[in-house]
Every structure is written in structure tokens, then in C-alpha cells.
Amino acid sequence: MRLRSVGKRFANGYAALDDFSLSVPEGRFVSLIGPSGCGKSTVLNLVAGLAQPTSGSFDWDGRERPSIGFVFQEPTLMPWATVAENVALPLTLDGKPAEVDAQLAKVGLSAFSGCYPRQLSGGMKMRASLARALASNPALLLLDEPFGALDEITRFDLIDQLLALWLEHRFTALFVTHSITESVFMSQRVVVMGGCPGKVLAEIEIDEPYPRLPAFRGEARYAAWCGEVLESLRKAS
């Protein structure tokens, strides 16, 4: 996936991106981080095909467009449908067999398949949203601040689950976050954005092996990576 000198201007004249370039090879886990209003979510919408660039170019490095899963800031579950029915939705729309038991097991929701969204905690709703996005085995997973509203314990648990799923399936992941600690713990590369319209200001390769266990958060190397991302963000502000 490659965006070359992309600009995005909306009908009201607001410019969200200018001269934005980014390359994400297959199977990589890349995070976008930056202040509010710098165009992070716009990048995801362009990649998902929900918006079109005003200038520049976007392509898949000569390959066909991959299947895409999208996890939004809010779970966006259908309130009248059960957890199993929500997770099955992408498969149902594609006319495929909607067997969701394995997906629910991967996110720890097997016991809640017959529950409705109103009966779930915030963390459970986000697990269901993640399971739905992965139900069709997408080659590319887009995540727009999915853990921002969760408490710290739930967030850490979901981060560990998401990384385990990525290590198992090796889909490409493009993850938007405001959290320095999230970006460093999860990613192979952290892309620091800034400005309005938004641009890439720095790209930091997190040269650490996987799996990344919780103890990594207490190591000096982790603190050093976080410090490097923080310094880049200070320059962006």
C-alpha cells in the first residue's frame, strides 16, 4: 500500500492532508500518531475507499485491492442484533456461511454470543467489533482509536489479544492512536503526523521482537522508544 504526495481537501474548503506520503508493506503493523486534527482518520478513510484524494496518488503496489476490515472509535454494533449476528454481518452480506464461533472464541466472547449490545460492557462491545472486522479474514485491518475510551486494564487486555491475532494471521494493520505507549508497544513502525493540513513528520522503526510481553512495558528500552516518539510529537505541536 502506498500513498504518494496525497492531498485531501473537503467541499467546505478544509484541507485535511497535504503532501502526505506513506508506504506500508504487506503484513506490517504500523501506527499513526499525532495531535487532533492532523488527518489521521482521513488517511484511514482514504485507504478504506470511503473518501478519495484531492491530489497525489494511492495504489496497492501493483496488487489487487485487498479485503479490508475496519474497527472504528465506537463499536457501531446493531442494537437489535445479538453478538453472534453482529459478528456474522460481513459474511452474511457476502453470502458466505456465517460460522462465528471461532471468531468469538478468539476474542473471549463465546459465552456472550446470544447477548445484545446493551448487555455488554464497553470492552466487550469493542471485542465484538474487532471480531466482526476479522470475521472475513481481511488482508488489511484499519483501526481508528478503538481503545481510547476504555479503562487501562481492559485496554491492555485488548492490545494483547489484537497482537496475538496479528501474529497468528499476519494481516496488515494500520492503527490510529493518540497513545504513545500503545503505538510503541504494538507497532513495528510509528508514523508521527502533524500540522493542519497533516503531513508525515517522522517515522520511527520500533526494533523490538514479538511477542511483546507485558514486562516489556517496564524495560528501559521501552521507555526510550516512548521518549523518542514523544520528542517527535513535541516538534509536531
Protein backbone atom coordinates (compact mmCIF):
# COMPACT_ATOMS: atom_id res chain seq x y z
CA MET A 1 0.00 0.00 0.00
CA ARG A 2 1.45 3.35 -0.99
CA LEU A 3 0.21 6.94 -0.76
CA ARG A 4 2.30 9.42 -2.73
CA SER A 5 2.10 13.17 -2.04
CA VAL A 6 -1.59 12.85 -1.23
CA GLY A 7 -3.70 15.89 -0.50
CA LYS A 8 -7.28 15.90 0.73
CA ARG A 9 -9.48 18.99 0.66
CA PHE A 10 -13.17 18.78 1.54
CA ALA A 11 -16.05 20.56 -0.17
CA ASN A 12 -16.13 23.26 2.51
CA GLY A 13 -12.50 24.14 1.71
CA TYR A 14 -10.94 22.45 4.74
CA ALA A 15 -7.61 20.83 3.89
CA ALA A 16 -7.02 17.68 5.97
CA LEU A 17 -3.86 16.41 4.26
CA ASP A 18 -1.11 17.95 2.16
CA ASP A 19 1.84 16.19 0.51
CA PHE A 20 1.21 13.09 2.62
CA SER A 21 3.28 10.04 1.69
CA LEU A 22 3.24 6.63 3.35
CA SER A 23 4.22 3.11 2.37
CA VAL A 24 3.01 0.06 4.31
CA PRO A 25 4.32 -3.34 3.15
CA GLU A 26 2.12 -6.42 3.47
CA GLY A 27 1.95 -7.98 6.91
CA ARG A 28 3.33 -4.97 8.78
CA PHE A 29 1.88 -3.33 11.89
CA VAL A 30 2.09 0.45 11.54
CA SER A 31 0.66 3.12 13.84
CA LEU A 32 -0.26 6.71 13.02
CA ILE A 33 0.04 9.13 15.92
CA GLY A 34 -0.32 12.88 16.11
CA PRO A 35 -2.39 15.72 17.57
CA SER A 36 -6.11 16.01 16.93
CA GLY A 37 -6.95 17.43 13.53
CA CYS A 38 -3.78 16.31 11.74
CA GLY A 39 -5.63 13.97 9.37
CA LYS A 40 -5.06 10.52 10.88
CA SER A 41 -8.63 9.34 10.44
CA THR A 42 -8.71 10.86 6.96
CA VAL A 43 -5.82 8.60 5.99
CA LEU A 44 -7.80 5.54 7.09
CA ASN A 45 -10.87 6.70 5.18
CA LEU A 46 -8.79 7.15 2.01
CA VAL A 47 -7.28 3.68 2.37
CA ALA A 48 -10.73 2.16 3.02
CA GLY A 49 -12.16 3.83 -0.08
CA LEU A 50 -14.59 5.93 1.99
CA ALA A 51 -13.00 9.10 0.56
CA GLN A 52 -10.92 9.99 -2.48
CA PRO A 53 -7.72 12.04 -2.53
CA THR A 54 -7.86 15.53 -4.00
CA SER A 55 -4.29 15.26 -5.26
CA GLY A 56 -1.45 12.77 -5.33
CA SER A 57 -1.88 9.05 -5.86
CA PHE A 58 -2.78 5.93 -3.91
CA ASP A 59 -2.22 2.35 -5.02
CA TRP A 60 -1.62 -1.18 -3.77
CA ASP A 61 1.93 -1.58 -5.13
CA GLY A 62 0.67 -3.25 -8.29
CA ARG A 63 -1.52 -5.78 -6.48
CA GLU A 64 -5.28 -6.11 -6.37
CA ARG A 65 -7.16 -4.23 -3.68
CA PRO A 66 -7.10 -6.43 -0.56
CA SER A 67 -10.05 -7.32 1.58
CA ILE A 68 -10.38 -4.74 4.35
CA GLY A 69 -11.70 -4.80 7.91
CA PHE A 70 -12.37 -1.55 9.79
CA VAL A 71 -12.62 -1.04 13.57
CA PHE A 72 -13.98 2.41 14.41
CA GLN A 73 -13.67 4.54 17.55
CA GLU A 74 -17.16 3.42 18.57
CA PRO A 75 -18.20 -0.26 18.31
CA THR A 76 -21.09 0.60 15.90
CA LEU A 77 -22.92 -2.63 16.71
CA MET A 78 -26.52 -3.10 15.61
CA PRO A 79 -28.52 -2.80 18.85
CA TRP A 80 -31.32 -5.14 17.69
CA ALA A 81 -28.90 -7.97 16.80
CA THR A 82 -27.09 -10.41 19.07
CA VAL A 83 -23.31 -10.52 19.35
CA ALA A 84 -23.19 -13.53 17.03
CA GLU A 85 -25.44 -11.80 14.48
CA ASN A 86 -23.30 -8.65 14.59
CA VAL A 87 -20.10 -10.61 14.05
CA ALA A 88 -21.70 -12.60 11.23
CA LEU A 89 -22.78 -9.46 9.34
CA PRO A 90 -19.81 -9.21 6.88
CA LEU A 91 -20.16 -12.88 6.00
CA THR A 92 -23.92 -12.62 5.59
CA LEU A 93 -23.56 -9.62 3.27
CA ASP A 94 -21.05 -11.58 1.17
CA GLY A 95 -23.35 -14.60 1.02
CA LYS A 96 -20.86 -16.76 2.89
CA PRO A 97 -21.56 -19.26 5.68
CA ALA A 98 -21.82 -17.28 8.88
CA GLU A 99 -19.96 -19.50 11.34
CA VAL A 100 -18.73 -17.15 14.02
CA ASP A 101 -17.95 -19.45 16.95
CA ALA A 102 -14.22 -19.44 16.24
CA GLN A 103 -14.12 -15.64 15.95
CA LEU A 104 -15.96 -15.19 19.23
CA ALA A 105 -13.59 -17.62 20.94
CA LYS A 106 -10.57 -15.64 19.76
CA VAL A 107 -11.82 -12.50 21.50
CA GLY A 108 -13.20 -14.22 24.59
CA LEU A 109 -16.91 -13.76 23.80
CA SER A 110 -18.07 -17.34 23.33
CA ALA A 111 -20.29 -17.14 26.40
CA PHE A 112 -21.93 -13.93 25.16
CA SER A 113 -22.91 -14.91 21.62
CA GLY A 114 -26.64 -14.57 22.36
CA CYS A 115 -26.37 -11.27 24.22
CA TYR A 116 -27.36 -7.89 22.81
CA PRO A 117 -25.01 -4.87 22.77
CA ARG A 118 -26.90 -3.18 25.64
CA GLN A 119 -25.94 -6.14 27.84
CA LEU A 120 -22.21 -5.76 27.19
CA SER A 121 -19.52 -3.64 28.81
CA GLY A 122 -17.54 -1.18 26.70
CA GLY A 123 -14.67 -3.61 26.42
CA MET A 124 -16.93 -6.45 25.34
CA LYS A 125 -18.52 -4.25 22.67
CA MET A 126 -15.10 -3.45 21.29
CA ARG A 127 -14.18 -7.16 21.30
CA ALA A 128 -17.31 -7.83 19.27
CA SER A 129 -16.40 -5.04 16.86
CA LEU A 130 -12.91 -6.50 16.43
CA ALA A 131 -14.32 -9.99 15.86
CA ARG A 132 -16.71 -8.61 13.23
CA ALA A 133 -13.87 -6.83 11.43
CA LEU A 134 -11.82 -10.05 11.35
CA ALA A 135 -14.70 -12.41 10.52
CA SER A 136 -13.99 -12.34 6.78
CA ASN A 137 -10.23 -12.79 7.27
CA PRO A 138 -9.23 -9.40 5.82
CA ALA A 139 -5.76 -8.87 4.45
CA LEU A 140 -5.78 -5.31 5.82
CA LEU A 141 -7.16 -4.20 9.17
CA LEU A 142 -7.78 -0.49 9.78
CA LEU A 143 -8.20 0.62 13.40
CA ASP A 144 -9.28 4.15 14.34
CA GLU A 145 -8.53 4.70 18.04
CA PRO A 146 -10.51 1.60 19.06
CA PHE A 147 -9.29 1.53 22.67
CA GLY A 148 -9.35 5.24 23.52
CA ALA A 149 -12.49 5.16 25.68
CA LEU A 150 -11.58 2.01 27.64
CA ASP A 151 -10.09 1.70 31.10
CA GLU A 152 -6.41 0.84 31.28
CA ILE A 153 -6.79 -2.81 32.32
CA THR A 154 -9.30 -3.53 29.55
CA ARG A 155 -7.16 -1.65 27.04
CA PHE A 156 -4.04 -3.67 27.88
CA ASP A 157 -6.03 -6.90 27.59
CA LEU A 158 -7.39 -5.96 24.15
CA ILE A 159 -3.95 -4.85 22.96
CA ASP A 160 -2.55 -8.25 23.90
CA GLN A 161 -5.42 -10.00 22.09
CA LEU A 162 -5.05 -7.88 18.97
CA LEU A 163 -1.31 -8.54 18.80
CA ALA A 164 -1.89 -12.27 19.26
CA LEU A 165 -4.37 -12.25 16.37
CA TRP A 166 -1.95 -10.27 14.20
CA LEU A 167 0.89 -12.70 14.94
CA GLU A 168 -1.40 -15.62 14.08
CA HIS A 169 -2.84 -14.25 10.83
CA ARG A 170 -0.26 -11.63 9.76
CA PHE A 171 -2.77 -9.27 8.22
CA THR A 172 -1.51 -5.76 7.53
CA ALA A 173 -2.54 -3.39 10.34
CA LEU A 174 -2.82 0.40 10.16
CA PHE A 175 -3.62 1.68 13.64
CA VAL A 176 -4.57 5.26 14.59
CA THR A 177 -3.97 6.26 18.20
CA HIS A 178 -3.29 9.22 20.47
CA SER A 179 -1.39 6.99 22.88
CA ILE A 180 2.40 6.94 22.72
CA THR A 181 2.56 3.82 24.88
CA GLU A 182 0.06 1.96 22.66
CA SER A 183 1.92 2.86 19.49
CA VAL A 184 5.30 1.76 20.82
CA PHE A 185 4.08 -1.47 22.39
CA MET A 186 2.17 -2.67 19.35
CA SER A 187 3.91 -1.39 16.26
CA GLN A 188 6.81 -2.19 14.02
CA ARG A 189 6.76 1.42 12.86
CA VAL A 190 5.30 4.58 14.37
CA VAL A 191 4.44 7.34 11.90
CA VAL A 192 4.28 10.75 13.58
CA MET A 193 1.92 13.21 11.91
CA GLY A 194 1.49 16.91 12.49
CA GLY A 195 0.27 20.14 11.02
CA CYS A 196 -3.05 21.19 9.59
CA PRO A 197 -3.20 20.05 6.84
CA GLY A 198 -1.46 16.93 8.06
CA LYS A 199 1.91 15.62 6.93
CA VAL A 200 4.34 12.90 7.97
CA LEU A 201 6.94 14.45 10.26
CA ALA A 202 8.82 11.34 11.41
CA GLU A 203 8.84 7.56 11.01
CA ILE A 204 10.28 5.56 13.89
CA GLU A 205 11.08 1.86 13.47
CA ILE A 206 10.45 0.01 16.76
CA ASP A 207 13.19 -2.60 16.53
CA GLU A 208 11.87 -4.99 19.16
CA PRO A 209 10.94 -8.68 18.77
CA TYR A 210 7.49 -10.22 19.14
CA PRO A 211 5.70 -11.44 21.09
CA ARG A 212 5.91 -8.35 23.29
CA LEU A 213 5.06 -9.44 26.79
CA PRO A 214 3.65 -7.11 29.49
CA ALA A 215 7.09 -6.98 31.14
CA PHE A 216 8.38 -5.05 28.10
CA ARG A 217 6.47 -2.01 29.38
CA GLY A 218 8.78 -1.86 32.40
CA GLU A 219 12.05 -2.05 30.46
CA ALA A 220 14.37 0.86 29.79
CA ARG A 221 14.26 0.19 26.04
CA TYR A 222 10.50 0.69 26.04
CA ALA A 223 10.84 3.98 27.89
CA ALA A 224 13.48 5.09 25.39
CA TRP A 225 11.20 4.35 22.42
CA CYS A 226 8.36 6.23 24.09
CA GLY A 227 10.70 9.15 24.69
CA GLU A 228 11.68 9.23 21.03
CA VAL A 229 8.06 9.29 19.89
CA LEU A 230 7.25 11.99 22.47
CA GLU A 231 10.09 14.17 21.23
CA SER A 232 8.82 13.87 17.65
CA LEU A 233 5.32 14.79 18.80
CA ARG A 234 6.64 17.88 20.61
CA LYS A 235 8.22 19.01 17.38
CA ALA A 236 4.89 18.43 15.64
CA SER A 237 2.97 20.71 18.01
